[in-house]
Amino acid sequence: MSKKLLLLLAFVMICSQLIGQVLEVENTQELSKDARKGELLNFHFDPGSSTFMLLYGREKGNKIYQFNYDLKLVNNETLD
């Protein structure tokens, strides 16, 4: 009986760690294909509003991505 209990406890511990990793991946925002085709021109962190700003340069124009402190996409705009 104790072997089954230990096996169940180990299974629960492993599952809880995997669920935590999945939630962490969901909180990170993937940049679009457009941003991957360009190059990072500027990176800025604004401590007042706790946002990150990434400026990517491309042939078609620059793109700005803003993320909050939890790395969720806040704003995405194209500059000419």
PDB file of N, CA and C in Angstrom:
ATOM      1  N   MET A   1       0.814  -1.188   0.000  1.00  0.00           N
ATOM      2  CA  MET A   1       0.000   0.000   0.000  1.00  0.00           C
ATOM      3  C   MET A   1       0.864   1.261   0.000  1.00  0.00           C
ATOM      4  N   SER A   2       1.971   1.223   0.723  1.00  0.00           N
ATOM      5  CA  SER A   2       2.807   2.425   0.800  1.00  0.00           C
ATOM      6  C   SER A   2       3.511   2.690  -0.535  1.00  0.00           C
ATOM      7  N   LYS A   3       3.808   1.633  -1.315  1.00  0.00           N
ATOM      8  CA  LYS A   3       4.422   1.828  -2.635  1.00  0.00           C
ATOM      9  C   LYS A   3       3.452   2.545  -3.567  1.00  0.00           C
ATOM     10  N   LYS A   4       2.183   2.185  -3.509  1.00  0.00           N
ATOM     11  CA  LYS A   4       1.176   2.854  -4.333  1.00  0.00           C
ATOM     12  C   LYS A   4       1.015   4.314  -3.921  1.00  0.00           C
ATOM     13  N   LEU A   5       1.060   4.577  -2.634  1.00  0.00           N
ATOM     14  CA  LEU A   5       0.933   5.940  -2.133  1.00  0.00           C
ATOM     15  C   LEU A   5       2.132   6.790  -2.559  1.00  0.00           C
ATOM     16  N   LEU A   6       3.339   6.216  -2.471  1.00  0.00           N
ATOM     17  CA  LEU A   6       4.540   6.937  -2.910  1.00  0.00           C
ATOM     18  C   LEU A   6       4.513   7.194  -4.417  1.00  0.00           C
ATOM     19  N   LEU A   7       4.050   6.224  -5.176  1.00  0.00           N
ATOM     20  CA  LEU A   7       3.951   6.385  -6.621  1.00  0.00           C
ATOM     21  C   LEU A   7       2.936   7.476  -6.973  1.00  0.00           C
ATOM     22  N   LEU A   8       1.818   7.494  -6.291  1.00  0.00           N
ATOM     23  CA  LEU A   8       0.809   8.525  -6.517  1.00  0.00           C
ATOM     24  C   LEU A   8       1.345   9.907  -6.139  1.00  0.00           C
ATOM     25  N   LEU A   9       2.040   9.995  -5.036  1.00  0.00           N
ATOM     26  CA  LEU A   9       2.618  11.265  -4.598  1.00  0.00           C
ATOM     27  C   LEU A   9       3.660  11.765  -5.606  1.00  0.00           C
ATOM     28  N   ALA A  10       4.502  10.879  -6.112  1.00  0.00           N
ATOM     29  CA  ALA A  10       5.499  11.265  -7.115  1.00  0.00           C
ATOM     30  C   ALA A  10       4.811  11.732  -8.398  1.00  0.00           C
ATOM     31  N   PHE A  11       3.745  11.061  -8.801  1.00  0.00           N
ATOM     32  CA  PHE A  11       3.002  11.436 -10.002  1.00  0.00           C
ATOM     33  C   PHE A  11       2.392  12.828  -9.852  1.00  0.00           C
ATOM     34  N   VAL A  12       1.818  13.109  -8.699  1.00  0.00           N
ATOM     35  CA  VAL A  12       1.207  14.416  -8.445  1.00  0.00           C
ATOM     36  C   VAL A  12       2.268  15.512  -8.466  1.00  0.00           C
ATOM     37  N   MET A  13       3.433  15.256  -7.892  1.00  0.00           N
ATOM     38  CA  MET A  13       4.501  16.256  -7.871  1.00  0.00           C
ATOM     39  C   MET A  13       4.998  16.556  -9.286  1.00  0.00           C
ATOM     40  N   ILE A  14       5.159  15.525 -10.098  1.00  0.00           N
ATOM     41  CA  ILE A  14       5.632  15.721 -11.476  1.00  0.00           C
ATOM     42  C   ILE A  14       4.588  16.473 -12.292  1.00  0.00           C
ATOM     43  N   CYS A  15       3.323  16.124 -12.142  1.00  0.00           N
ATOM     44  CA  CYS A  15       2.252  16.796 -12.893  1.00  0.00           C
ATOM     45  C   CYS A  15       2.151  18.270 -12.515  1.00  0.00           C
ATOM     46  N   SER A  16       2.308  18.588 -11.238  1.00  0.00           N
ATOM     47  CA  SER A  16       2.195  19.986 -10.825  1.00  0.00           C
ATOM     48  C   SER A  16       3.333  20.819 -11.414  1.00  0.00           C
ATOM     49  N   GLN A  17       4.528  20.247 -11.537  1.00  0.00           N
ATOM     50  CA  GLN A  17       5.631  20.976 -12.142  1.00  0.00           C
ATOM     51  C   GLN A  17       5.398  21.185 -13.636  1.00  0.00           C
ATOM     52  N   LEU A  18       4.849  20.195 -14.314  1.00  0.00           N
ATOM     53  CA  LEU A  18       4.569  20.331 -15.747  1.00  0.00           C
ATOM     54  C   LEU A  18       3.492  21.373 -16.005  1.00  0.00           C
ATOM     55  N   ILE A  19       2.474  21.410 -15.171  1.00  0.00           N
ATOM     56  CA  ILE A  19       1.415  22.405 -15.331  1.00  0.00           C
ATOM     57  C   ILE A  19       1.977  23.809 -15.128  1.00  0.00           C
ATOM     58  N   GLY A  20       2.879  23.975 -14.168  1.00  0.00           N
ATOM     59  CA  GLY A  20       3.515  25.275 -13.945  1.00  0.00           C
ATOM     60  C   GLY A  20       4.327  25.722 -15.141  1.00  0.00           C
ATOM     61  N   GLN A  21       5.018  24.789 -15.803  1.00  0.00           N
ATOM     62  CA  GLN A  21       5.799  25.131 -16.989  1.00  0.00           C
ATOM     63  C   GLN A  21       4.895  25.532 -18.135  1.00  0.00           C
ATOM     64  N   VAL A  22       3.771  24.867 -18.315  1.00  0.00           N
ATOM     65  CA  VAL A  22       2.838  25.202 -19.398  1.00  0.00           C
ATOM     66  C   VAL A  22       2.282  26.601 -19.187  1.00  0.00           C
ATOM     67  N   LEU A  23       1.930  26.953 -17.957  1.00  0.00           N
ATOM     68  CA  LEU A  23       1.412  28.287 -17.678  1.00  0.00           C
ATOM     69  C   LEU A  23       2.466  29.347 -17.951  1.00  0.00           C
ATOM     70  N   GLU A  24       3.727  29.060 -17.671  1.00  0.00           N
ATOM     71  CA  GLU A  24       4.803  30.013 -17.940  1.00  0.00           C
ATOM     72  C   GLU A  24       4.949  30.242 -19.440  1.00  0.00           C
ATOM     73  N   VAL A  25       4.818  29.197 -20.240  1.00  0.00           N
ATOM     74  CA  VAL A  25       4.913  29.326 -21.690  1.00  0.00           C
ATOM     75  C   VAL A  25       3.746  30.135 -22.228  1.00  0.00           C
ATOM     76  N   GLU A  26       2.554  29.961 -21.668  1.00  0.00           N
ATOM     77  CA  GLU A  26       1.393  30.714 -22.140  1.00  0.00           C
ATOM     78  C   GLU A  26       1.532  32.200 -21.843  1.00  0.00           C
ATOM     79  N   ASN A  27       2.275  32.570 -20.793  1.00  0.00           N
ATOM     80  CA  ASN A  27       2.435  33.976 -20.457  1.00  0.00           C
ATOM     81  C   ASN A  27       3.452  34.673 -21.353  1.00  0.00           C
ATOM     82  N   THR A  28       4.323  33.935 -21.995  1.00  0.00           N
ATOM     83  CA  THR A  28       5.283  34.586 -22.887  1.00  0.00           C
ATOM     84  C   THR A  28       4.670  34.763 -24.263  1.00  0.00           C
ATOM     85  N   GLN A  29       4.872  35.915 -24.826  1.00  0.00           N
ATOM     86  CA  GLN A  29       4.281  36.248 -26.122  1.00  0.00           C
ATOM     87  C   GLN A  29       5.311  36.007 -27.217  1.00  0.00           C
ATOM     88  N   GLU A  30       4.923  35.233 -28.218  1.00  0.00           N
ATOM     89  CA  GLU A  30       5.785  35.026 -29.380  1.00  0.00           C
ATOM     90  C   GLU A  30       5.729  36.251 -30.274  1.00  0.00           C
ATOM     91  N   LEU A  31       6.875  36.684 -30.770  1.00  0.00           N
ATOM     92  CA  LEU A  31       6.887  37.788 -31.727  1.00  0.00           C
ATOM     93  C   LEU A  31       6.466  37.254 -33.085  1.00  0.00           C
ATOM     94  N   SER A  32       5.903  38.111 -33.895  1.00  0.00           N
ATOM     95  CA  SER A  32       5.391  37.692 -35.189  1.00  0.00           C
ATOM     96  C   SER A  32       6.532  37.398 -36.157  1.00  0.00           C
ATOM     97  N   LYS A  33       6.195  36.819 -37.301  1.00  0.00           N
ATOM     98  CA  LYS A  33       7.202  36.524 -38.327  1.00  0.00           C
ATOM     99  C   LYS A  33       7.856  37.801 -38.834  1.00  0.00           C
ATOM    100  N   ASP A  34       7.098  38.886 -38.851  1.00  0.00           N
ATOM    101  CA  ASP A  34       7.656  40.158 -39.300  1.00  0.00           C
ATOM    102  C   ASP A  34       8.807  40.599 -38.413  1.00  0.00           C
ATOM    103  N   ALA A  35       8.648  40.444 -37.109  1.00  0.00           N
ATOM    104  CA  ALA A  35       9.699  40.863 -36.185  1.00  0.00           C
ATOM    105  C   ALA A  35      10.926  39.970 -36.316  1.00  0.00           C
ATOM    106  N   ARG A  36      10.720  38.691 -36.586  1.00  0.00           N
ATOM    107  CA  ARG A  36      11.860  37.784 -36.731  1.00  0.00           C
ATOM    108  C   ARG A  36      12.645  38.058 -38.008  1.00  0.00           C
ATOM    109  N   LYS A  37      11.996  38.641 -38.996  1.00  0.00           N
ATOM    110  CA  LYS A  37      12.694  38.957 -40.245  1.00  0.00           C
ATOM    111  C   LYS A  37      13.550  40.203 -40.129  1.00  0.00           C
ATOM    112  N   GLY A  38      13.277  41.030 -39.129  1.00  0.00           N
ATOM    113  CA  GLY A  38      14.018  42.271 -38.960  1.00  0.00           C
ATOM    114  C   GLY A  38      15.118  42.120 -37.926  1.00  0.00           C
ATOM    115  N   GLU A  39      15.621  43.260 -37.476  1.00  0.00           N
ATOM    116  CA  GLU A  39      16.636  43.250 -36.433  1.00  0.00           C
ATOM    117  C   GLU A  39      16.208  44.170 -35.297  1.00  0.00           C
ATOM    118  N   LEU A  40      16.614  43.831 -34.096  1.00  0.00           N
ATOM    119  CA  LEU A  40      16.259  44.622 -32.931  1.00  0.00           C
ATOM    120  C   LEU A  40      17.069  45.908 -32.933  1.00  0.00           C
ATOM    121  N   LEU A  41      16.384  47.049 -33.014  1.00  0.00           N
ATOM    122  CA  LEU A  41      17.057  48.340 -33.050  1.00  0.00           C
ATOM    123  C   LEU A  41      17.173  48.969 -31.670  1.00  0.00           C
ATOM    124  N   ASN A  42      16.155  48.773 -30.830  1.00  0.00           N
ATOM    125  CA  ASN A  42      16.161  49.419 -29.532  1.00  0.00           C
ATOM    126  C   ASN A  42      15.345  48.598 -28.543  1.00  0.00           C
ATOM    127  N   PHE A  43      15.773  48.630 -27.297  1.00  0.00           N
ATOM    128  CA  PHE A  43      15.069  47.977 -26.203  1.00  0.00           C
ATOM    129  C   PHE A  43      14.971  48.989 -25.071  1.00  0.00           C
ATOM    130  N   HIS A  44      13.761  49.162 -24.513  1.00  0.00           N
ATOM    131  CA  HIS A  44      13.581  50.148 -23.452  1.00  0.00           C
ATOM    132  C   HIS A  44      12.638  49.585 -22.400  1.00  0.00           C
ATOM    133  N   PHE A  45      13.011  49.764 -21.124  1.00  0.00           N
ATOM    134  CA  PHE A  45      12.144  49.378 -20.011  1.00  0.00           C
ATOM    135  C   PHE A  45      11.703  50.639 -19.288  1.00  0.00           C
ATOM    136  N   ASP A  46      10.394  50.801 -19.152  1.00  0.00           N
ATOM    137  CA  ASP A  46       9.837  51.950 -18.453  1.00  0.00           C
ATOM    138  C   ASP A  46       9.407  51.508 -17.058  1.00  0.00           C
ATOM    139  N   PRO A  47      10.182  51.856 -16.015  1.00  0.00           N
ATOM    140  CA  PRO A  47       9.829  51.394 -14.664  1.00  0.00           C
ATOM    141  C   PRO A  47       8.535  52.006 -14.135  1.00  0.00           C
ATOM    142  N   GLY A  48       8.151  53.178 -14.632  1.00  0.00           N
ATOM    143  CA  GLY A  48       6.916  53.811 -14.166  1.00  0.00           C
ATOM    144  C   GLY A  48       5.682  53.014 -14.523  1.00  0.00           C
ATOM    145  N   SER A  49       5.622  52.533 -15.760  1.00  0.00           N
ATOM    146  CA  SER A  49       4.453  51.757 -16.192  1.00  0.00           C
ATOM    147  C   SER A  49       4.749  50.258 -16.255  1.00  0.00           C
ATOM    148  N   SER A  50       5.978  49.862 -15.909  1.00  0.00           N
ATOM    149  CA  SER A  50       6.402  48.449 -15.915  1.00  0.00           C
ATOM    150  C   SER A  50       6.173  47.791 -17.272  1.00  0.00           C
ATOM    151  N   THR A  51       6.584  48.453 -18.343  1.00  0.00           N
ATOM    152  CA  THR A  51       6.456  47.876 -19.682  1.00  0.00           C
ATOM    153  C   THR A  51       7.816  47.831 -20.371  1.00  0.00           C
ATOM    154  N   PHE A  52       7.973  46.841 -21.226  1.00  0.00           N
ATOM    155  CA  PHE A  52       9.141  46.704 -22.078  1.00  0.00           C
ATOM    156  C   PHE A  52       8.751  47.162 -23.475  1.00  0.00           C
ATOM    157  N   MET A  53       9.632  47.868 -24.173  1.00  0.00           N
ATOM    158  CA  MET A  53       9.370  48.263 -25.547  1.00  0.00           C
ATOM    159  C   MET A  53      10.496  47.727 -26.421  1.00  0.00           C
ATOM    160  N   LEU A  54      10.122  46.997 -27.461  1.00  0.00           N
ATOM    161  CA  LEU A  54      11.080  46.466 -28.417  1.00  0.00           C
ATOM    162  C   LEU A  54      10.817  47.134 -29.763  1.00  0.00           C
ATOM    163  N   LEU A  55      11.851  47.696 -30.381  1.00  0.00           N
ATOM    164  CA  LEU A  55      11.733  48.331 -31.693  1.00  0.00           C
ATOM    165  C   LEU A  55      12.508  47.491 -32.695  1.00  0.00           C
ATOM    166  N   TYR A  56      11.787  46.946 -33.668  1.00  0.00           N
ATOM    167  CA  TYR A  56      12.399  46.126 -34.711  1.00  0.00           C
ATOM    168  C   TYR A  56      12.438  46.895 -36.023  1.00  0.00           C
ATOM    169  N   GLY A  57      13.557  46.807 -36.739  1.00  0.00           N
ATOM    170  CA  GLY A  57      13.690  47.434 -38.044  1.00  0.00           C
ATOM    171  C   GLY A  57      13.545  46.404 -39.145  1.00  0.00           C
ATOM    172  N   ARG A  58      12.754  46.752 -40.160  1.00  0.00           N
ATOM    173  CA  ARG A  58      12.531  45.880 -41.313  1.00  0.00           C
ATOM    174  C   ARG A  58      12.608  46.709 -42.569  1.00  0.00           C
ATOM    175  N   GLU A  59      12.604  46.039 -43.713  1.00  0.00           N
ATOM    176  CA  GLU A  59      12.601  46.739 -44.999  1.00  0.00           C
ATOM    177  C   GLU A  59      11.289  47.483 -45.214  1.00  0.00           C
ATOM    178  N   LYS A  60      10.174  46.901 -44.790  1.00  0.00           N
ATOM    179  CA  LYS A  60       8.860  47.499 -45.014  1.00  0.00           C
ATOM    180  C   LYS A  60       8.518  48.573 -43.988  1.00  0.00           C
ATOM    181  N   GLY A  61       9.265  48.680 -42.917  1.00  0.00           N
ATOM    182  CA  GLY A  61       8.982  49.662 -41.869  1.00  0.00           C
ATOM    183  C   GLY A  61       9.318  49.098 -40.506  1.00  0.00           C
ATOM    184  N   ASN A  62       9.373  49.969 -39.537  1.00  0.00           N
ATOM    185  CA  ASN A  62       9.700  49.549 -38.183  1.00  0.00           C
ATOM    186  C   ASN A  62       8.442  49.116 -37.442  1.00  0.00           C
ATOM    187  N   LYS A  63       8.609  48.173 -36.504  1.00  0.00           N
ATOM    188  CA  LYS A  63       7.498  47.700 -35.677  1.00  0.00           C
ATOM    189  C   LYS A  63       7.877  47.873 -34.217  1.00  0.00           C
ATOM    190  N   ILE A  64       6.899  48.298 -33.435  1.00  0.00           N
ATOM    191  CA  ILE A  64       7.087  48.450 -31.998  1.00  0.00           C
ATOM    192  C   ILE A  64       6.186  47.438 -31.284  1.00  0.00           C
ATOM    193  N   TYR A  65       6.793  46.708 -30.355  1.00  0.00           N
ATOM    194  CA  TYR A  65       6.056  45.775 -29.515  1.00  0.00           C
ATOM    195  C   TYR A  65       6.216  46.228 -28.078  1.00  0.00           C
ATOM    196  N   GLN A  66       5.109  46.305 -27.342  1.00  0.00           N
ATOM    197  CA  GLN A  66       5.151  46.651 -25.925  1.00  0.00           C
ATOM    198  C   GLN A  66       4.600  45.479 -25.124  1.00  0.00           C
ATOM    199  N   PHE A  67       5.348  45.093 -24.100  1.00  0.00           N
ATOM    200  CA  PHE A  67       4.963  44.003 -23.212  1.00  0.00           C
ATOM    201  C   PHE A  67       4.861  44.530 -21.791  1.00  0.00           C
ATOM    202  N   ASN A  68       3.965  43.946 -21.008  1.00  0.00           N
ATOM    203  CA  ASN A  68       3.913  44.320 -19.595  1.00  0.00           C
ATOM    204  C   ASN A  68       4.942  43.499 -18.827  1.00  0.00           C
ATOM    205  N   TYR A  69       4.956  43.658 -17.508  1.00  0.00           N
ATOM    206  CA  TYR A  69       5.967  43.010 -16.671  1.00  0.00           C
ATOM    207  C   TYR A  69       5.854  41.489 -16.722  1.00  0.00           C
ATOM    208  N   ASP A  70       4.663  40.948 -17.016  1.00  0.00           N
ATOM    209  CA  ASP A  70       4.454  39.504 -17.108  1.00  0.00           C
ATOM    210  C   ASP A  70       4.679  38.980 -18.521  1.00  0.00           C
ATOM    211  N   LEU A  71       5.253  39.803 -19.399  1.00  0.00           N
ATOM    212  CA  LEU A  71       5.555  39.474 -20.792  1.00  0.00           C
ATOM    213  C   LEU A  71       4.302  39.159 -21.606  1.00  0.00           C
ATOM    214  N   LYS A  72       3.225  39.840 -21.324  1.00  0.00           N
ATOM    215  CA  LYS A  72       2.014  39.747 -22.159  1.00  0.00           C
ATOM    216  C   LYS A  72       2.001  40.946 -23.086  1.00  0.00           C
ATOM    217  N   LEU A  73       1.657  40.710 -24.351  1.00  0.00           N
ATOM    218  CA  LEU A  73       1.651  41.769 -25.356  1.00  0.00           C
ATOM    219  C   LEU A  73       0.609  42.830 -25.013  1.00  0.00           C
ATOM    220  N   VAL A  74       1.049  44.089 -24.925  1.00  0.00           N
ATOM    221  CA  VAL A  74       0.157  45.202 -24.612  1.00  0.00           C
ATOM    222  C   VAL A  74      -0.197  45.969 -25.872  1.00  0.00           C
ATOM    223  N   ASN A  75       0.799  46.253 -26.708  1.00  0.00           N
ATOM    224  CA  ASN A  75       0.590  47.085 -27.878  1.00  0.00           C
ATOM    225  C   ASN A  75       1.500  46.598 -29.001  1.00  0.00           C
ATOM    226  N   ASN A  76       1.010  46.698 -30.240  1.00  0.00           N
ATOM    227  CA  ASN A  76       1.778  46.296 -31.397  1.00  0.00           C
ATOM    228  C   ASN A  76       1.422  47.276 -32.518  1.00  0.00           C
ATOM    229  N   GLU A  77       2.394  48.043 -32.986  1.00  0.00           N
ATOM    230  CA  GLU A  77       2.090  49.014 -34.048  1.00  0.00           C
ATOM    231  C   GLU A  77       3.245  49.100 -35.032  1.00  0.00           C
ATOM    232  N   THR A  78       2.920  49.530 -36.263  1.00  0.00           N
ATOM    233  CA  THR A  78       3.893  49.677 -37.322  1.00  0.00           C
ATOM    234  C   THR A  78       4.161  51.152 -37.566  1.00  0.00           C
ATOM    235  N   LEU A  79       5.442  51.488 -37.681  1.00  0.00           N
ATOM    236  CA  LEU A  79       5.848  52.861 -37.994  1.00  0.00           C
ATOM    237  C   LEU A  79       6.350  52.918 -39.435  1.00  0.00           C
ATOM    238  N   ASP A  80       6.072  53.994 -40.113  1.00  0.00           N
ATOM    239  CA  ASP A  80       6.540  54.136 -41.504  1.00  0.00           C
ATOM    240  C   ASP A  80       7.851  54.883 -41.558  1.00  0.00           C
TER     241      ASP A  80
END
